[in-house]
Amino acid sequence: LLPSDAELLKLEAAGLTHREIGEQFEVSRQAVTLRFNNMG
């Protein structure tokens, strides 16, 4: 349910927390954090 890695990086750079990103895409904060961890 999450966007591309590039879009996630843009959202984080814009100052959104993992929780806020998760809420935007209706996934948990942990799912967002896992995705960032997998991106390295």
Full PDB file with SEQRES, HELIX, SHEET, SSBOND, CRYST1, ORIGX, SCALE, CONECT and MASTER records, all heavy atoms in Angstrom:
SEQRES   1 A   40  LEU LEU PRO SER ASP ALA GLU LEU LEU LYS LEU GLU ALA          
SEQRES   2 A   40  ALA GLY LEU THR HIS ARG GLU ILE GLY GLU GLN PHE GLU          
SEQRES   3 A   40  VAL SER ARG GLN ALA VAL THR LEU ARG PHE ASN ASN MET          
SEQRES   4 A   40  GLY                                                          
HELIX    1 AA1 ASP A    5  ALA A   13  1                                   9    
HELIX    2 AA2 HIS A   18  PHE A   25  1                                   8    
HELIX    3 AA3 ARG A   29  MET A   39  1                                  11    
CRYST1    1.000    1.000    1.000  90.00  90.00  90.00 P 1           1          
ORIGX1      1.000000  0.000000  0.000000        0.00000                         
ORIGX2      0.000000  1.000000  0.000000        0.00000                         
ORIGX3      0.000000  0.000000  1.000000        0.00000                         
SCALE1      1.000000  0.000000  0.000000        0.00000                         
SCALE2      0.000000  1.000000  0.000000        0.00000                         
SCALE3      0.000000  0.000000  1.000000        0.00000                         
ATOM      1  N   LEU A   1       0.831  -1.200   0.000  1.00  0.00           N  
ATOM      2  CA  LEU A   1       0.000   0.000   0.000  1.00  0.00           C  
ATOM      3  C   LEU A   1       0.868   1.253   0.000  1.00  0.00           C  
ATOM      4  O   LEU A   1       0.362   2.354  -0.176  1.00  0.00           O  
ATOM      5  CB  LEU A   1      -0.915   0.007   1.224  1.00  0.00           C  
ATOM      6  CG  LEU A   1      -1.909  -1.155   1.306  1.00  0.00           C  
ATOM      7  CD1 LEU A   1      -2.670  -1.104   2.622  1.00  0.00           C  
ATOM      8  CD2 LEU A   1      -2.860  -1.142   0.131  1.00  0.00           C  
ATOM      9  N   LEU A   2       2.154   1.062   0.200  1.00  0.00           N  
ATOM     10  CA  LEU A   2       3.076   2.199   0.242  1.00  0.00           C  
ATOM     11  C   LEU A   2       3.514   2.587  -1.171  1.00  0.00           C  
ATOM     12  O   LEU A   2       3.573   1.742  -2.062  1.00  0.00           O  
ATOM     13  CB  LEU A   2       4.302   1.851   1.087  1.00  0.00           C  
ATOM     14  CG  LEU A   2       4.043   1.731   2.584  1.00  0.00           C  
ATOM     15  CD1 LEU A   2       5.256   1.140   3.286  1.00  0.00           C  
ATOM     16  CD2 LEU A   2       3.694   3.080   3.171  1.00  0.00           C  
ATOM     17  N   PRO A   3       3.850   3.856  -1.369  1.00  0.00           N  
ATOM     18  CA  PRO A   3       4.326   4.293  -2.685  1.00  0.00           C  
ATOM     19  C   PRO A   3       5.746   3.792  -2.941  1.00  0.00           C  
ATOM     20  O   PRO A   3       6.326   3.079  -2.117  1.00  0.00           O  
ATOM     21  CB  PRO A   3       4.288   5.816  -2.582  1.00  0.00           C  
ATOM     22  CG  PRO A   3       4.535   6.080  -1.137  1.00  0.00           C  
ATOM     23  CD  PRO A   3       3.837   4.953  -0.407  1.00  0.00           C  
ATOM     24  N   SER A   4       6.323   4.230  -4.022  1.00  0.00           N  
ATOM     25  CA  SER A   4       7.687   3.831  -4.385  1.00  0.00           C  
ATOM     26  C   SER A   4       8.686   4.312  -3.332  1.00  0.00           C  
ATOM     27  O   SER A   4       8.394   5.225  -2.551  1.00  0.00           O  
ATOM     28  CB  SER A   4       8.063   4.427  -5.744  1.00  0.00           C  
ATOM     29  OG  SER A   4       8.186   5.841  -5.617  1.00  0.00           O  
ATOM     30  N   ASP A   5       9.855   3.718  -3.345  1.00  0.00           N  
ATOM     31  CA  ASP A   5      10.920   4.128  -2.425  1.00  0.00           C  
ATOM     32  C   ASP A   5      11.236   5.614  -2.597  1.00  0.00           C  
ATOM     33  O   ASP A   5      11.399   6.339  -1.615  1.00  0.00           O  
ATOM     34  CB  ASP A   5      12.189   3.307  -2.660  1.00  0.00           C  
ATOM     35  CG  ASP A   5      12.040   1.854  -2.241  1.00  0.00           C  
ATOM     36  OD1 ASP A   5      11.000   1.497  -1.647  1.00  0.00           O  
ATOM     37  OD2 ASP A   5      12.978   1.084  -2.514  1.00  0.00           O  
ATOM     38  N   ALA A   6      11.302   6.054  -3.840  1.00  0.00           N  
ATOM     39  CA  ALA A   6      11.624   7.460  -4.106  1.00  0.00           C  
ATOM     40  C   ALA A   6      10.575   8.384  -3.488  1.00  0.00           C  
ATOM     41  O   ALA A   6      10.910   9.410  -2.892  1.00  0.00           O  
ATOM     42  CB  ALA A   6      11.730   7.702  -5.607  1.00  0.00           C  
ATOM     43  N   GLU A   7       9.308   8.017  -3.599  1.00  0.00           N  
ATOM     44  CA  GLU A   7       8.233   8.844  -3.024  1.00  0.00           C  
ATOM     45  C   GLU A   7       8.310   8.842  -1.498  1.00  0.00           C  
ATOM     46  O   GLU A   7       8.112   9.870  -0.848  1.00  0.00           O  
ATOM     47  CB  GLU A   7       6.868   8.338  -3.493  1.00  0.00           C  
ATOM     48  CG  GLU A   7       5.716   9.196  -3.037  1.00  0.00           C  
ATOM     49  CD  GLU A   7       5.751  10.623  -3.573  1.00  0.00           C  
ATOM     50  OE1 GLU A   7       6.323  10.866  -4.650  1.00  0.00           O  
ATOM     51  OE2 GLU A   7       5.206  11.513  -2.883  1.00  0.00           O  
ATOM     52  N   LEU A   8       8.616   7.684  -0.913  1.00  0.00           N  
ATOM     53  CA  LEU A   8       8.771   7.613   0.539  1.00  0.00           C  
ATOM     54  C   LEU A   8       9.895   8.533   1.012  1.00  0.00           C  
ATOM     55  O   LEU A   8       9.762   9.228   2.019  1.00  0.00           O  
ATOM     56  CB  LEU A   8       9.051   6.175   0.983  1.00  0.00           C  
ATOM     57  CG  LEU A   8       7.858   5.251   1.059  1.00  0.00           C  
ATOM     58  CD1 LEU A   8       8.315   3.841   1.412  1.00  0.00           C  
ATOM     59  CD2 LEU A   8       6.827   5.755   2.044  1.00  0.00           C  
ATOM     60  N   LEU A   9      10.999   8.524   0.291  1.00  0.00           N  
ATOM     61  CA  LEU A   9      12.130   9.380   0.655  1.00  0.00           C  
ATOM     62  C   LEU A   9      11.749  10.860   0.567  1.00  0.00           C  
ATOM     63  O   LEU A   9      12.149  11.665   1.409  1.00  0.00           O  
ATOM     64  CB  LEU A   9      13.335   9.082  -0.233  1.00  0.00           C  
ATOM     65  CG  LEU A   9      13.988   7.716   0.010  1.00  0.00           C  
ATOM     66  CD1 LEU A   9      15.009   7.424  -1.071  1.00  0.00           C  
ATOM     67  CD2 LEU A   9      14.595   7.650   1.384  1.00  0.00           C  
ATOM     68  N   LYS A  10      10.942  11.213  -0.437  1.00  0.00           N  
ATOM     69  CA  LYS A  10      10.487  12.600  -0.562  1.00  0.00           C  
ATOM     70  C   LYS A  10       9.606  12.993   0.619  1.00  0.00           C  
ATOM     71  O   LYS A  10       9.719  14.095   1.153  1.00  0.00           O  
ATOM     72  CB  LYS A  10       9.706  12.796  -1.863  1.00  0.00           C  
ATOM     73  CG  LYS A  10      10.562  12.797  -3.100  1.00  0.00           C  
ATOM     74  CD  LYS A  10       9.691  12.960  -4.341  1.00  0.00           C  
ATOM     75  CE  LYS A  10      10.478  12.743  -5.608  1.00  0.00           C  
ATOM     76  NZ  LYS A  10       9.616  12.771  -6.795  1.00  0.00           N  
ATOM     77  N   LEU A  11       8.724  12.093   1.033  1.00  0.00           N  
ATOM     78  CA  LEU A  11       7.836  12.378   2.165  1.00  0.00           C  
ATOM     79  C   LEU A  11       8.630  12.566   3.450  1.00  0.00           C  
ATOM     80  O   LEU A  11       8.355  13.468   4.236  1.00  0.00           O  
ATOM     81  CB  LEU A  11       6.801  11.258   2.320  1.00  0.00           C  
ATOM     82  CG  LEU A  11       5.768  11.152   1.196  1.00  0.00           C  
ATOM     83  CD1 LEU A  11       4.961   9.860   1.332  1.00  0.00           C  
ATOM     84  CD2 LEU A  11       4.862  12.368   1.196  1.00  0.00           C  
ATOM     85  N   GLU A  12       9.625  11.702   3.642  1.00  0.00           N  
ATOM     86  CA  GLU A  12      10.458  11.822   4.842  1.00  0.00           C  
ATOM     87  C   GLU A  12      11.261  13.118   4.800  1.00  0.00           C  
ATOM     88  O   GLU A  12      11.381  13.823   5.800  1.00  0.00           O  
ATOM     89  CB  GLU A  12      11.383  10.618   4.988  1.00  0.00           C  
ATOM     90  CG  GLU A  12      12.130  10.622   6.314  1.00  0.00           C  
ATOM     91  CD  GLU A  12      13.053   9.439   6.464  1.00  0.00           C  
ATOM     92  OE1 GLU A  12      13.870   9.188   5.556  1.00  0.00           O  
ATOM     93  OE2 GLU A  12      12.954   8.769   7.503  1.00  0.00           O  
ATOM     94  N   ALA A  13      11.797  13.450   3.636  1.00  0.00           N  
ATOM     95  CA  ALA A  13      12.563  14.691   3.493  1.00  0.00           C  
ATOM     96  C   ALA A  13      11.686  15.916   3.730  1.00  0.00           C  
ATOM     97  O   ALA A  13      12.162  16.958   4.186  1.00  0.00           O  
ATOM     98  CB  ALA A  13      13.191  14.758   2.102  1.00  0.00           C  
ATOM     99  N   ALA A  14      10.383  15.784   3.452  1.00  0.00           N  
ATOM    100  CA  ALA A  14       9.450  16.887   3.681  1.00  0.00           C  
ATOM    101  C   ALA A  14       9.093  17.027   5.156  1.00  0.00           C  
ATOM    102  O   ALA A  14       8.370  17.949   5.539  1.00  0.00           O  
ATOM    103  CB  ALA A  14       8.183  16.679   2.857  1.00  0.00           C  
ATOM    104  N   GLY A  15       9.600  16.104   5.986  1.00  0.00           N  
ATOM    105  CA  GLY A  15       9.408  16.228   7.426  1.00  0.00           C  
ATOM    106  C   GLY A  15       8.335  15.340   8.014  1.00  0.00           C  
ATOM    107  O   GLY A  15       8.040  15.429   9.203  1.00  0.00           O  
ATOM    108  N   LEU A  16       7.714  14.477   7.218  1.00  0.00           N  
ATOM    109  CA  LEU A  16       6.693  13.583   7.750  1.00  0.00           C  
ATOM    110  C   LEU A  16       7.357  12.468   8.566  1.00  0.00           C  
ATOM    111  O   LEU A  16       8.402  11.943   8.176  1.00  0.00           O  
ATOM    112  CB  LEU A  16       5.868  12.956   6.622  1.00  0.00           C  
ATOM    113  CG  LEU A  16       4.657  13.739   6.153  1.00  0.00           C  
ATOM    114  CD1 LEU A  16       5.069  14.991   5.413  1.00  0.00           C  
ATOM    115  CD2 LEU A  16       3.771  12.874   5.293  1.00  0.00           C  
ATOM    116  N   THR A  17       6.731  12.124   9.688  1.00  0.00           N  
ATOM    117  CA  THR A  17       7.219  11.011  10.498  1.00  0.00           C  
ATOM    118  C   THR A  17       6.739   9.707   9.867  1.00  0.00           C  
ATOM    119  O   THR A  17       5.827   9.699   9.026  1.00  0.00           O  
ATOM    120  CB  THR A  17       6.691  11.089  11.940  1.00  0.00           C  
ATOM    121  OG1 THR A  17       5.261  10.918  11.916  1.00  0.00           O  
ATOM    122  CG2 THR A  17       7.056  12.408  12.604  1.00  0.00           C  
ATOM    123  N   HIS A  18       7.295   8.610  10.314  1.00  0.00           N  
ATOM    124  CA  HIS A  18       6.860   7.310   9.811  1.00  0.00           C  
ATOM    125  C   HIS A  18       5.398   7.082  10.162  1.00  0.00           C  
ATOM    126  O   HIS A  18       4.648   6.492   9.379  1.00  0.00           O  
ATOM    127  CB  HIS A  18       7.741   6.199  10.373  1.00  0.00           C  
ATOM    128  CG  HIS A  18       9.117   6.221   9.793  1.00  0.00           C  
ATOM    129  ND1 HIS A  18      10.017   5.225  10.016  1.00  0.00           N  
ATOM    130  CD2 HIS A  18       9.749   7.113   8.987  1.00  0.00           C  
ATOM    131  CE1 HIS A  18      11.154   5.496   9.378  1.00  0.00           C  
ATOM    132  NE2 HIS A  18      11.002   6.651   8.760  1.00  0.00           N  
ATOM    133  N   ARG A  19       4.981   7.541  11.318  1.00  0.00           N  
ATOM    134  CA  ARG A  19       3.582   7.401  11.732  1.00  0.00           C  
ATOM    135  C   ARG A  19       2.675   8.168  10.772  1.00  0.00           C  
ATOM    136  O   ARG A  19       1.643   7.658  10.329  1.00  0.00           O  
ATOM    137  CB  ARG A  19       3.392   7.906  13.155  1.00  0.00           C  
ATOM    138  CG  ARG A  19       1.954   7.737  13.671  1.00  0.00           C  
ATOM    139  CD  ARG A  19       1.797   8.098  15.133  1.00  0.00           C  
ATOM    140  NE  ARG A  19       2.811   7.573  16.007  1.00  0.00           N  
ATOM    141  CZ  ARG A  19       2.909   6.299  16.426  1.00  0.00           C  
ATOM    142  NH1 ARG A  19       2.019   5.425  16.038  1.00  0.00           N  
ATOM    143  NH2 ARG A  19       3.877   5.926  17.235  1.00  0.00           N  
ATOM    144  N   GLU A  20       3.054   9.390  10.432  1.00  0.00           N  
ATOM    145  CA  GLU A  20       2.250  10.207   9.521  1.00  0.00           C  
ATOM    146  C   GLU A  20       2.190   9.586   8.125  1.00  0.00           C  
ATOM    147  O   GLU A  20       1.134   9.578   7.483  1.00  0.00           O  
ATOM    148  CB  GLU A  20       2.798  11.631   9.457  1.00  0.00           C  
ATOM    149  CG  GLU A  20       2.609  12.402  10.749  1.00  0.00           C  
ATOM    150  CD  GLU A  20       3.417  13.690  10.814  1.00  0.00           C  
ATOM    151  OE1 GLU A  20       4.462  13.803  10.123  1.00  0.00           O  
ATOM    152  OE2 GLU A  20       2.999  14.587  11.573  1.00  0.00           O  
ATOM    153  N   ILE A  21       3.308   9.063   7.665  1.00  0.00           N  
ATOM    154  CA  ILE A  21       3.322   8.395   6.358  1.00  0.00           C  
ATOM    155  C   ILE A  21       2.409   7.172   6.400  1.00  0.00           C  
ATOM    156  O   ILE A  21       1.607   6.938   5.490  1.00  0.00           O  
ATOM    157  CB  ILE A  21       4.755   8.001   5.942  1.00  0.00           C  
ATOM    158  CG1 ILE A  21       5.608   9.258   5.714  1.00  0.00           C  
ATOM    159  CG2 ILE A  21       4.737   7.129   4.687  1.00  0.00           C  
ATOM    160  CD1 ILE A  21       7.097   8.981   5.539  1.00  0.00           C  
ATOM    161  N   GLY A  22       2.511   6.405   7.477  1.00  0.00           N  
ATOM    162  CA  GLY A  22       1.661   5.222   7.626  1.00  0.00           C  
ATOM    163  C   GLY A  22       0.183   5.571   7.612  1.00  0.00           C  
ATOM    164  O   GLY A  22      -0.620   4.895   6.955  1.00  0.00           O  
ATOM    165  N   GLU A  23      -0.181   6.628   8.337  1.00  0.00           N  
ATOM    166  CA  GLU A  23      -1.580   7.054   8.356  1.00  0.00           C  
ATOM    167  C   GLU A  23      -2.039   7.466   6.964  1.00  0.00           C  
ATOM    168  O   GLU A  23      -3.156   7.147   6.550  1.00  0.00           O  
ATOM    169  CB  GLU A  23      -1.764   8.204   9.340  1.00  0.00           C  
ATOM    170  CG  GLU A  23      -1.656   7.769  10.789  1.00  0.00           C  
ATOM    171  CD  GLU A  23      -1.607   8.930  11.775  1.00  0.00           C  
ATOM    172  OE1 GLU A  23      -1.611  10.112  11.347  1.00  0.00           O  
ATOM    173  OE2 GLU A  23      -1.565   8.647  12.989  1.00  0.00           O  
ATOM    174  N   GLN A  24      -1.179   8.142   6.229  1.00  0.00           N  
ATOM    175  CA  GLN A  24      -1.530   8.604   4.883  1.00  0.00           C  
ATOM    176  C   GLN A  24      -1.831   7.432   3.950  1.00  0.00           C  
ATOM    177  O   GLN A  24      -2.710   7.517   3.092  1.00  0.00           O  
ATOM    178  CB  GLN A  24      -0.393   9.453   4.326  1.00  0.00           C  
ATOM    179  CG  GLN A  24      -0.680  10.072   2.978  1.00  0.00           C  
ATOM    180  CD  GLN A  24       0.435  11.023   2.544  1.00  0.00           C  
ATOM    181  OE1 GLN A  24       1.199  11.529   3.340  1.00  0.00           O  
ATOM    182  NE2 GLN A  24       0.520  11.249   1.244  1.00  0.00           N  
ATOM    183  N   PHE A  25      -1.110   6.306   4.137  1.00  0.00           N  
ATOM    184  CA  PHE A  25      -1.272   5.162   3.243  1.00  0.00           C  
ATOM    185  C   PHE A  25      -1.970   3.983   3.924  1.00  0.00           C  
ATOM    186  O   PHE A  25      -1.984   2.867   3.394  1.00  0.00           O  
ATOM    187  CB  PHE A  25       0.090   4.749   2.665  1.00  0.00           C  
ATOM    188  CG  PHE A  25       0.655   5.797   1.758  1.00  0.00           C  
ATOM    189  CD1 PHE A  25       1.575   6.721   2.231  1.00  0.00           C  
ATOM    190  CD2 PHE A  25       0.223   5.900   0.438  1.00  0.00           C  
ATOM    191  CE1 PHE A  25       2.074   7.715   1.412  1.00  0.00           C  
ATOM    192  CE2 PHE A  25       0.719   6.887  -0.396  1.00  0.00           C  
ATOM    193  CZ  PHE A  25       1.640   7.797   0.088  1.00  0.00           C  
ATOM    194  N   GLU A  26      -2.530   4.241   5.104  1.00  0.00           N  
ATOM    195  CA  GLU A  26      -3.304   3.245   5.852  1.00  0.00           C  
ATOM    196  C   GLU A  26      -2.513   1.974   6.154  1.00  0.00           C  
ATOM    197  O   GLU A  26      -2.992   0.857   5.974  1.00  0.00           O  
ATOM    198  CB  GLU A  26      -4.613   2.935   5.129  1.00  0.00           C  
ATOM    199  CG  GLU A  26      -5.507   4.153   4.998  1.00  0.00           C  
ATOM    200  CD  GLU A  26      -6.812   3.875   4.279  1.00  0.00           C  
ATOM    201  OE1 GLU A  26      -6.961   2.788   3.673  1.00  0.00           O  
ATOM    202  OE2 GLU A  26      -7.683   4.760   4.309  1.00  0.00           O  
ATOM    203  N   VAL A  27      -1.268   2.193   6.613  1.00  0.00           N  
ATOM    204  CA  VAL A  27      -0.427   1.096   7.086  1.00  0.00           C  
ATOM    205  C   VAL A  27       0.158   1.512   8.433  1.00  0.00           C  
ATOM    206  O   VAL A  27       0.093   2.675   8.818  1.00  0.00           O  
ATOM    207  CB  VAL A  27       0.719   0.748   6.092  1.00  0.00           C  
ATOM    208  CG1 VAL A  27       0.146   0.299   4.751  1.00  0.00           C  
ATOM    209  CG2 VAL A  27       1.666   1.903   5.905  1.00  0.00           C  
ATOM    210  N   SER A  28       0.732   0.568   9.135  1.00  0.00           N  
ATOM    211  CA  SER A  28       1.309   0.871  10.445  1.00  0.00           C  
ATOM    212  C   SER A  28       2.619   1.645  10.315  1.00  0.00           C  
ATOM    213  O   SER A  28       3.280   1.600   9.267  1.00  0.00           O  
ATOM    214  CB  SER A  28       1.567  -0.422  11.217  1.00  0.00           C  
ATOM    215  OG  SER A  28       2.610  -1.161  10.601  1.00  0.00           O  
ATOM    216  N   ARG A  29       3.001   2.319  11.395  1.00  0.00           N  
ATOM    217  CA  ARG A  29       4.300   2.986  11.454  1.00  0.00           C  
ATOM    218  C   ARG A  29       5.406   1.958  11.263  1.00  0.00           C  
ATOM    219  O   ARG A  29       6.402   2.193  10.587  1.00  0.00           O  
ATOM    220  CB  ARG A  29       4.477   3.709  12.794  1.00  0.00           C  
ATOM    221  CG  ARG A  29       5.859   4.375  12.888  1.00  0.00           C  
ATOM    222  CD  ARG A  29       6.376   4.538  14.292  1.00  0.00           C  
ATOM    223  NE  ARG A  29       6.274   3.402  15.154  1.00  0.00           N  
ATOM    224  CZ  ARG A  29       7.193   2.432  15.277  1.00  0.00           C  
ATOM    225  NH1 ARG A  29       8.277   2.435  14.527  1.00  0.00           N  
ATOM    226  NH2 ARG A  29       7.025   1.456  16.138  1.00  0.00           N  
ATOM    227  N   GLN A  30       5.213   0.770  11.836  1.00  0.00           N  
ATOM    228  CA  GLN A  30       6.218  -0.285  11.739  1.00  0.00           C  
ATOM    229  C   GLN A  30       6.431  -0.717  10.286  1.00  0.00           C  
ATOM    230  O   GLN A  30       7.563  -1.010   9.880  1.00  0.00           O  
ATOM    231  CB  GLN A  30       5.818  -1.496  12.594  1.00  0.00           C  
ATOM    232  CG  GLN A  30       5.840  -1.219  14.075  1.00  0.00           C  
ATOM    233  CD  GLN A  30       4.547  -0.641  14.613  1.00  0.00           C  
ATOM    234  OE1 GLN A  30       3.685  -0.176  13.873  1.00  0.00           O  
ATOM    235  NE2 GLN A  30       4.402  -0.648  15.938  1.00  0.00           N  
ATOM    236  N   ALA A  31       5.347  -0.744   9.498  1.00  0.00           N  
ATOM    237  CA  ALA A  31       5.480  -1.119   8.085  1.00  0.00           C  
ATOM    238  C   ALA A  31       6.324  -0.086   7.338  1.00  0.00           C  
ATOM    239  O   ALA A  31       7.148  -0.449   6.493  1.00  0.00           O  
ATOM    240  CB  ALA A  31       4.099  -1.245   7.446  1.00  0.00           C  
ATOM    241  N   VAL A  32       6.123   1.181   7.666  1.00  0.00           N  
ATOM    242  CA  VAL A  32       6.901   2.243   7.023  1.00  0.00           C  
ATOM    243  C   VAL A  32       8.366   2.118   7.435  1.00  0.00           C  
ATOM    244  O   VAL A  32       9.273   2.172   6.599  1.00  0.00           O  
ATOM    245  CB  VAL A  32       6.336   3.633   7.372  1.00  0.00           C  
ATOM    246  CG1 VAL A  32       7.215   4.734   6.789  1.00  0.00           C  
ATOM    247  CG2 VAL A  32       4.898   3.766   6.880  1.00  0.00           C  
ATOM    248  N   THR A  33       8.610   1.945   8.732  1.00  0.00           N  
ATOM    249  CA  THR A  33       9.981   1.813   9.229  1.00  0.00           C  
ATOM    250  C   THR A  33      10.670   0.608   8.606  1.00  0.00           C  
ATOM    251  O   THR A  33      11.834   0.697   8.201  1.00  0.00           O  
ATOM    252  CB  THR A  33       9.982   1.706  10.762  1.00  0.00           C  
ATOM    253  OG1 THR A  33       9.410   2.903  11.305  1.00  0.00           O  
ATOM    254  CG2 THR A  33      11.392   1.530  11.312  1.00  0.00           C  
ATOM    255  N   LEU A  34       9.951  -0.503   8.489  1.00  0.00           N  
ATOM    256  CA  LEU A  34      10.524  -1.702   7.870  1.00  0.00           C  
ATOM    257  C   LEU A  34      10.926  -1.408   6.431  1.00  0.00           C  
ATOM    258  O   LEU A  34      12.006  -1.803   5.984  1.00  0.00           O  
ATOM    259  CB  LEU A  34       9.529  -2.861   7.926  1.00  0.00           C  
ATOM    260  CG  LEU A  34       9.986  -4.159   7.263  1.00  0.00           C  
ATOM    261  CD1 LEU A  34      11.229  -4.715   7.952  1.00  0.00           C  
ATOM    262  CD2 LEU A  34       8.860  -5.177   7.295  1.00  0.00           C  
ATOM    263  N   ARG A  35      10.091  -0.693   5.716  1.00  0.00           N  
ATOM    264  CA  ARG A  35      10.401  -0.362   4.321  1.00  0.00           C  
ATOM    265  C   ARG A  35      11.674   0.483   4.246  1.00  0.00           C  
ATOM    266  O   ARG A  35      12.543   0.242   3.415  1.00  0.00           O  
ATOM    267  CB  ARG A  35       9.216   0.377   3.718  1.00  0.00           C  
ATOM    268  CG  ARG A  35       9.388   0.777   2.288  1.00  0.00           C  
ATOM    269  CD  ARG A  35       9.257  -0.419   1.310  1.00  0.00           C  
ATOM    270  NE  ARG A  35       9.164   0.113  -0.015  1.00  0.00           N  
ATOM    271  CZ  ARG A  35       8.038   0.510  -0.598  1.00  0.00           C  
ATOM    272  NH1 ARG A  35       6.887   0.351   0.010  1.00  0.00           N  
ATOM    273  NH2 ARG A  35       8.074   1.033  -1.787  1.00  0.00           N  
ATOM    274  N   PHE A  36      11.789   1.485   5.140  1.00  0.00           N  
ATOM    275  CA  PHE A  36      12.999   2.310   5.151  1.00  0.00           C  
ATOM    276  C   PHE A  36      14.217   1.477   5.533  1.00  0.00           C  
ATOM    277  O   PHE A  36      15.294   1.641   4.952  1.00  0.00           O  
ATOM    278  CB  PHE A  36      12.847   3.498   6.095  1.00  0.00           C  
ATOM    279  CG  PHE A  36      12.165   4.682   5.474  1.00  0.00           C  
ATOM    280  CD1 PHE A  36      10.799   4.868   5.632  1.00  0.00           C  
ATOM    281  CD2 PHE A  36      12.878   5.605   4.726  1.00  0.00           C  
ATOM    282  CE1 PHE A  36      10.163   5.957   5.057  1.00  0.00           C  
ATOM    283  CE2 PHE A  36      12.258   6.694   4.144  1.00  0.00           C  
ATOM    284  CZ  PHE A  36      10.893   6.865   4.309  1.00  0.00           C  
ATOM    285  N   ASN A  37      14.054   0.583   6.495  1.00  0.00           N  
ATOM    286  CA  ASN A  37      15.170  -0.287   6.874  1.00  0.00           C  
ATOM    287  C   ASN A  37      15.609  -1.137   5.700  1.00  0.00           C  
ATOM    288  O   ASN A  37      16.804  -1.322   5.457  1.00  0.00           O  
ATOM    289  CB  ASN A  37      14.784  -1.182   8.052  1.00  0.00           C  
ATOM    290  CG  ASN A  37      14.738  -0.450   9.355  1.00  0.00           C  
ATOM    291  OD1 ASN A  37      15.313   0.627   9.506  1.00  0.00           O  
ATOM    292  ND2 ASN A  37      14.033  -1.008  10.329  1.00  0.00           N  
ATOM    293  N   ASN A  38      14.641  -1.666   4.957  1.00  0.00           N  
ATOM    294  CA  ASN A  38      14.969  -2.499   3.799  1.00  0.00           C  
ATOM    295  C   ASN A  38      15.649  -1.697   2.690  1.00  0.00           C  
ATOM    296  O   ASN A  38      16.437  -2.239   1.930  1.00  0.00           O  
ATOM    297  CB  ASN A  38      13.712  -3.191   3.257  1.00  0.00           C  
ATOM    298  CG  ASN A  38      13.226  -4.281   4.172  1.00  0.00           C  
ATOM    299  OD1 ASN A  38      13.984  -4.809   4.987  1.00  0.00           O  
ATOM    300  ND2 ASN A  38      11.962  -4.623   4.070  1.00  0.00           N  
ATOM    301  N   MET A  39      15.329  -0.401   2.619  1.00  0.00           N  
ATOM    302  CA  MET A  39      15.987   0.457   1.628  1.00  0.00           C  
ATOM    303  C   MET A  39      17.426   0.741   2.027  1.00  0.00           C  
ATOM    304  O   MET A  39      18.241   1.102   1.196  1.00  0.00           O  
ATOM    305  CB  MET A  39      15.259   1.812   1.510  1.00  0.00           C  
ATOM    306  CG  MET A  39      14.045   1.804   0.654  1.00  0.00           C  
ATOM    307  SD  MET A  39      13.492   3.494   0.377  1.00  0.00           S  
ATOM    308  CE  MET A  39      12.422   3.748   1.774  1.00  0.00           C  
ATOM    309  N   GLY A  40      17.721   0.634   3.329  1.00  0.00           N  
ATOM    310  CA  GLY A  40      19.052   0.966   3.818  1.00  0.00           C  
ATOM    311  C   GLY A  40      19.336   2.449   3.740  1.00  0.00           C  
ATOM    312  O   GLY A  40      20.482   2.865   3.614  1.00  0.00           O  
TER     313      GLY A  40                                                      
MASTER        0    0    0    3    0    0    0    6  312    1    0    4          
END                                                                             
